[in-house]
Amino acid sequence: MVTLFYYALVAFVSLLLVVNLVRSRSWERDVLYVIVLVPFLLRLLRLK
C-alpha cells in the first residue's frame, strides 16, 4: 500500500514538473526542470 502511494506521489510530482516545463519560457528553467525531472522518471521506471 505504501509503495503504491509512493509511486502515485512520484507520478504526480513528475506530472507537475512536465507541465511547468511546457509552460516555461526560458531555457535556464527548462534545463533546471529536466535535471530535477530525471530522478523522478527513473523512480517511476524503477531504475533508481
PDB file of N, CA and C in Angstrom:
ATOM      1  N   MET A   1       0.826  -1.196   0.000  1.00  0.00           N
ATOM      2  CA  MET A   1       0.000   0.000   0.000  1.00  0.00           C
ATOM      3  C   MET A   1       0.868   1.256   0.000  1.00  0.00           C
ATOM      4  N   VAL A   2       1.899   1.253   0.815  1.00  0.00           N
ATOM      5  CA  VAL A   2       2.792   2.399   0.900  1.00  0.00           C
ATOM      6  C   VAL A   2       3.531   2.585  -0.425  1.00  0.00           C
ATOM      7  N   THR A   3       3.903   1.493  -1.045  1.00  0.00           N
ATOM      8  CA  THR A   3       4.616   1.568  -2.317  1.00  0.00           C
ATOM      9  C   THR A   3       3.730   2.180  -3.399  1.00  0.00           C
ATOM     10  N   LEU A   4       2.483   1.806  -3.433  1.00  0.00           N
ATOM     11  CA  LEU A   4       1.564   2.387  -4.413  1.00  0.00           C
ATOM     12  C   LEU A   4       1.381   3.884  -4.191  1.00  0.00           C
ATOM     13  N   PHE A   5       1.264   4.275  -2.930  1.00  0.00           N
ATOM     14  CA  PHE A   5       1.146   5.699  -2.611  1.00  0.00           C
ATOM     15  C   PHE A   5       2.408   6.440  -3.023  1.00  0.00           C
ATOM     16  N   TYR A   6       3.560   5.844  -2.795  1.00  0.00           N
ATOM     17  CA  TYR A   6       4.841   6.447  -3.157  1.00  0.00           C
ATOM     18  C   TYR A   6       4.929   6.664  -4.669  1.00  0.00           C
ATOM     19  N   TYR A   7       4.587   5.650  -5.452  1.00  0.00           N
ATOM     20  CA  TYR A   7       4.655   5.791  -6.907  1.00  0.00           C
ATOM     21  C   TYR A   7       3.605   6.765  -7.424  1.00  0.00           C
ATOM     22  N   ALA A   8       2.453   6.828  -6.799  1.00  0.00           N
ATOM     23  CA  ALA A   8       1.435   7.806  -7.187  1.00  0.00           C
ATOM     24  C   ALA A   8       1.925   9.220  -6.906  1.00  0.00           C
ATOM     25  N   LEU A   9       2.573   9.418  -5.771  1.00  0.00           N
ATOM     26  CA  LEU A   9       3.116  10.726  -5.428  1.00  0.00           C
ATOM     27  C   LEU A   9       4.227  11.129  -6.391  1.00  0.00           C
ATOM     28  N   VAL A  10       5.102  10.195  -6.735  1.00  0.00           N
ATOM     29  CA  VAL A  10       6.182  10.473  -7.689  1.00  0.00           C
ATOM     30  C   VAL A  10       5.591  10.803  -9.059  1.00  0.00           C
ATOM     31  N   ALA A  11       4.557  10.094  -9.473  1.00  0.00           N
ATOM     32  CA  ALA A  11       3.919  10.368 -10.758  1.00  0.00           C
ATOM     33  C   ALA A  11       3.264  11.746 -10.764  1.00  0.00           C
ATOM     34  N   PHE A  12       2.646  12.121  -9.652  1.00  0.00           N
ATOM     35  CA  PHE A  12       2.003  13.427  -9.556  1.00  0.00           C
ATOM     36  C   PHE A  12       3.032  14.549  -9.635  1.00  0.00           C
ATOM     37  N   VAL A  13       4.119  14.420  -8.899  1.00  0.00           N
ATOM     38  CA  VAL A  13       5.174  15.439  -8.926  1.00  0.00           C
ATOM     39  C   VAL A  13       5.805  15.497 -10.313  1.00  0.00           C
ATOM     40  N   SER A  14       5.994  14.365 -10.951  1.00  0.00           N
ATOM     41  CA  SER A  14       6.548  14.341 -12.302  1.00  0.00           C
ATOM     42  C   SER A  14       5.610  15.051 -13.279  1.00  0.00           C
ATOM     43  N   LEU A  15       4.332  14.822 -13.131  1.00  0.00           N
ATOM     44  CA  LEU A  15       3.361  15.490 -13.985  1.00  0.00           C
ATOM     45  C   LEU A  15       3.418  17.006 -13.800  1.00  0.00           C
ATOM     46  N   LEU A  16       3.516  17.453 -12.561  1.00  0.00           N
ATOM     47  CA  LEU A  16       3.632  18.889 -12.301  1.00  0.00           C
ATOM     48  C   LEU A  16       4.899  19.462 -12.914  1.00  0.00           C
ATOM     49  N   LEU A  17       5.996  18.733 -12.829  1.00  0.00           N
ATOM     50  CA  LEU A  17       7.243  19.204 -13.421  1.00  0.00           C
ATOM     51  C   LEU A  17       7.150  19.287 -14.937  1.00  0.00           C
ATOM     52  N   VAL A  18       6.495  18.326 -15.557  1.00  0.00           N
ATOM     53  CA  VAL A  18       6.346  18.347 -17.015  1.00  0.00           C
ATOM     54  C   VAL A  18       5.459  19.518 -17.436  1.00  0.00           C
ATOM     55  N   VAL A  19       4.395  19.781 -16.706  1.00  0.00           N
ATOM     56  CA  VAL A  19       3.526  20.914 -17.022  1.00  0.00           C
ATOM     57  C   VAL A  19       4.301  22.213 -16.910  1.00  0.00           C
ATOM     58  N   ASN A  20       5.098  22.365 -15.856  1.00  0.00           N
ATOM     59  CA  ASN A  20       5.906  23.566 -15.709  1.00  0.00           C
ATOM     60  C   ASN A  20       6.972  23.663 -16.792  1.00  0.00           C
ATOM     61  N   LEU A  21       7.502  22.537 -17.209  1.00  0.00           N
ATOM     62  CA  LEU A  21       8.497  22.529 -18.277  1.00  0.00           C
ATOM     63  C   LEU A  21       7.884  23.012 -19.585  1.00  0.00           C
ATOM     64  N   VAL A  22       6.666  22.589 -19.873  1.00  0.00           N
ATOM     65  CA  VAL A  22       5.999  23.008 -21.110  1.00  0.00           C
ATOM     66  C   VAL A  22       5.681  24.495 -21.070  1.00  0.00           C
ATOM     67  N   ARG A  23       5.298  25.006 -19.916  1.00  0.00           N
ATOM     68  CA  ARG A  23       4.947  26.423 -19.779  1.00  0.00           C
ATOM     69  C   ARG A  23       6.159  27.340 -19.728  1.00  0.00           C
ATOM     70  N   SER A  24       7.298  26.819 -19.411  1.00  0.00           N
ATOM     71  CA  SER A  24       8.493  27.628 -19.206  1.00  0.00           C
ATOM     72  C   SER A  24       8.898  28.347 -20.488  1.00  0.00           C
ATOM     73  N   ARG A  25       9.371  29.570 -20.322  1.00  0.00           N
ATOM     74  CA  ARG A  25       9.781  30.378 -21.466  1.00  0.00           C
ATOM     75  C   ARG A  25      11.299  30.475 -21.597  1.00  0.00           C
ATOM     76  N   SER A  26      12.026  30.305 -20.509  1.00  0.00           N
ATOM     77  CA  SER A  26      13.482  30.481 -20.579  1.00  0.00           C
ATOM     78  C   SER A  26      14.182  29.121 -20.600  1.00  0.00           C
ATOM     79  N   TRP A  27      15.268  29.059 -21.300  1.00  0.00           N
ATOM     80  CA  TRP A  27      15.983  27.794 -21.436  1.00  0.00           C
ATOM     81  C   TRP A  27      16.678  27.414 -20.132  1.00  0.00           C
ATOM     82  N   GLU A  28      17.015  28.403 -19.277  1.00  0.00           N
ATOM     83  CA  GLU A  28      17.624  28.083 -17.992  1.00  0.00           C
ATOM     84  C   GLU A  28      16.659  27.282 -17.109  1.00  0.00           C
ATOM     85  N   ARG A  29      15.418  27.707 -17.106  1.00  0.00           N
ATOM     86  CA  ARG A  29      14.405  26.966 -16.328  1.00  0.00           C
ATOM     87  C   ARG A  29      14.139  25.597 -16.934  1.00  0.00           C
ATOM     88  N   ASP A  30      14.153  25.523 -18.262  1.00  0.00           N
ATOM     89  CA  ASP A  30      13.967  24.234 -18.927  1.00  0.00           C
ATOM     90  C   ASP A  30      15.028  23.238 -18.482  1.00  0.00           C
ATOM     91  N   VAL A  31      16.269  23.687 -18.454  1.00  0.00           N
ATOM     92  CA  VAL A  31      17.370  22.820 -18.029  1.00  0.00           C
ATOM     93  C   VAL A  31      17.184  22.409 -16.578  1.00  0.00           C
ATOM     94  N   LEU A  32      16.788  23.343 -15.733  1.00  0.00           N
ATOM     95  CA  LEU A  32      16.563  23.032 -14.325  1.00  0.00           C
ATOM     96  C   LEU A  32      15.449  22.002 -14.150  1.00  0.00           C
ATOM     97  N   TYR A  33      14.350  22.175 -14.870  1.00  0.00           N
ATOM     98  CA  TYR A  33      13.240  21.220 -14.773  1.00  0.00           C
ATOM     99  C   TYR A  33      13.655  19.829 -15.243  1.00  0.00           C
ATOM    100  N   VAL A  34      14.447  19.766 -16.307  1.00  0.00           N
ATOM    101  CA  VAL A  34      14.886  18.460 -16.805  1.00  0.00           C
ATOM    102  C   VAL A  34      15.810  17.789 -15.797  1.00  0.00           C
ATOM    103  N   ILE A  35      16.713  18.565 -15.190  1.00  0.00           N
ATOM    104  CA  ILE A  35      17.625  17.997 -14.190  1.00  0.00           C
ATOM    105  C   ILE A  35      16.850  17.455 -12.996  1.00  0.00           C
ATOM    106  N   VAL A  36      15.821  18.156 -12.586  1.00  0.00           N
ATOM    107  CA  VAL A  36      15.009  17.711 -11.449  1.00  0.00           C
ATOM    108  C   VAL A  36      14.106  16.541 -11.843  1.00  0.00           C
ATOM    109  N   LEU A  37      13.651  16.522 -13.085  1.00  0.00           N
ATOM    110  CA  LEU A  37      12.699  15.511 -13.539  1.00  0.00           C
ATOM    111  C   LEU A  37      13.332  14.138 -13.750  1.00  0.00           C
ATOM    112  N   VAL A  38      14.586  14.088 -14.114  1.00  0.00           N
ATOM    113  CA  VAL A  38      15.240  12.810 -14.435  1.00  0.00           C
ATOM    114  C   VAL A  38      15.170  11.808 -13.273  1.00  0.00           C
ATOM    115  N   PRO A  39      15.527  12.176 -12.037  1.00  0.00           N
ATOM    116  CA  PRO A  39      15.424  11.179 -10.959  1.00  0.00           C
ATOM    117  C   PRO A  39      13.990  10.685 -10.717  1.00  0.00           C
ATOM    118  N   PHE A  40      13.013  11.573 -10.895  1.00  0.00           N
ATOM    119  CA  PHE A  40      11.620  11.156 -10.712  1.00  0.00           C
ATOM    120  C   PHE A  40      11.219  10.147 -11.781  1.00  0.00           C
ATOM    121  N   LEU A  41      11.629  10.389 -13.018  1.00  0.00           N
ATOM    122  CA  LEU A  41      11.299   9.439 -14.081  1.00  0.00           C
ATOM    123  C   LEU A  41      12.013   8.108 -13.875  1.00  0.00           C
ATOM    124  N   LEU A  42      13.235   8.150 -13.395  1.00  0.00           N
ATOM    125  CA  LEU A  42      13.951   6.904 -13.116  1.00  0.00           C
ATOM    126  C   LEU A  42      13.263   6.122 -11.999  1.00  0.00           C
ATOM    127  N   ARG A  43      12.737   6.821 -10.997  1.00  0.00           N
ATOM    128  CA  ARG A  43      11.984   6.134  -9.929  1.00  0.00           C
ATOM    129  C   ARG A  43      10.715   5.492 -10.480  1.00  0.00           C
ATOM    130  N   LEU A  44      10.022   6.226 -11.358  1.00  0.00           N
ATOM    131  CA  LEU A  44       8.799   5.654 -11.925  1.00  0.00           C
ATOM    132  C   LEU A  44       9.084   4.434 -12.768  1.00  0.00           C
ATOM    133  N   LEU A  45      10.214   4.428 -13.441  1.00  0.00           N
ATOM    134  CA  LEU A  45      10.590   3.273 -14.248  1.00  0.00           C
ATOM    135  C   LEU A  45      11.314   2.209 -13.441  1.00  0.00           C
ATOM    136  N   ARG A  46      11.441   2.459 -12.152  1.00  0.00           N
ATOM    137  CA  ARG A  46      12.079   1.547 -11.196  1.00  0.00           C
ATOM    138  C   ARG A  46      13.533   1.228 -11.550  1.00  0.00           C
ATOM    139  N   LEU A  47      14.244   2.255 -12.032  1.00  0.00           N
ATOM    140  CA  LEU A  47      15.647   2.098 -12.373  1.00  0.00           C
ATOM    141  C   LEU A  47      16.571   2.703 -11.308  1.00  0.00           C
ATOM    142  N   LYS A  48      16.004   3.410 -10.358  1.00  0.00           N
ATOM    143  CA  LYS A  48      16.753   4.085  -9.294  1.00  0.00           C
ATOM    144  C   LYS A  48      17.906   4.812  -9.926  1.00  0.00           C
TER     145      LYS A  48
END
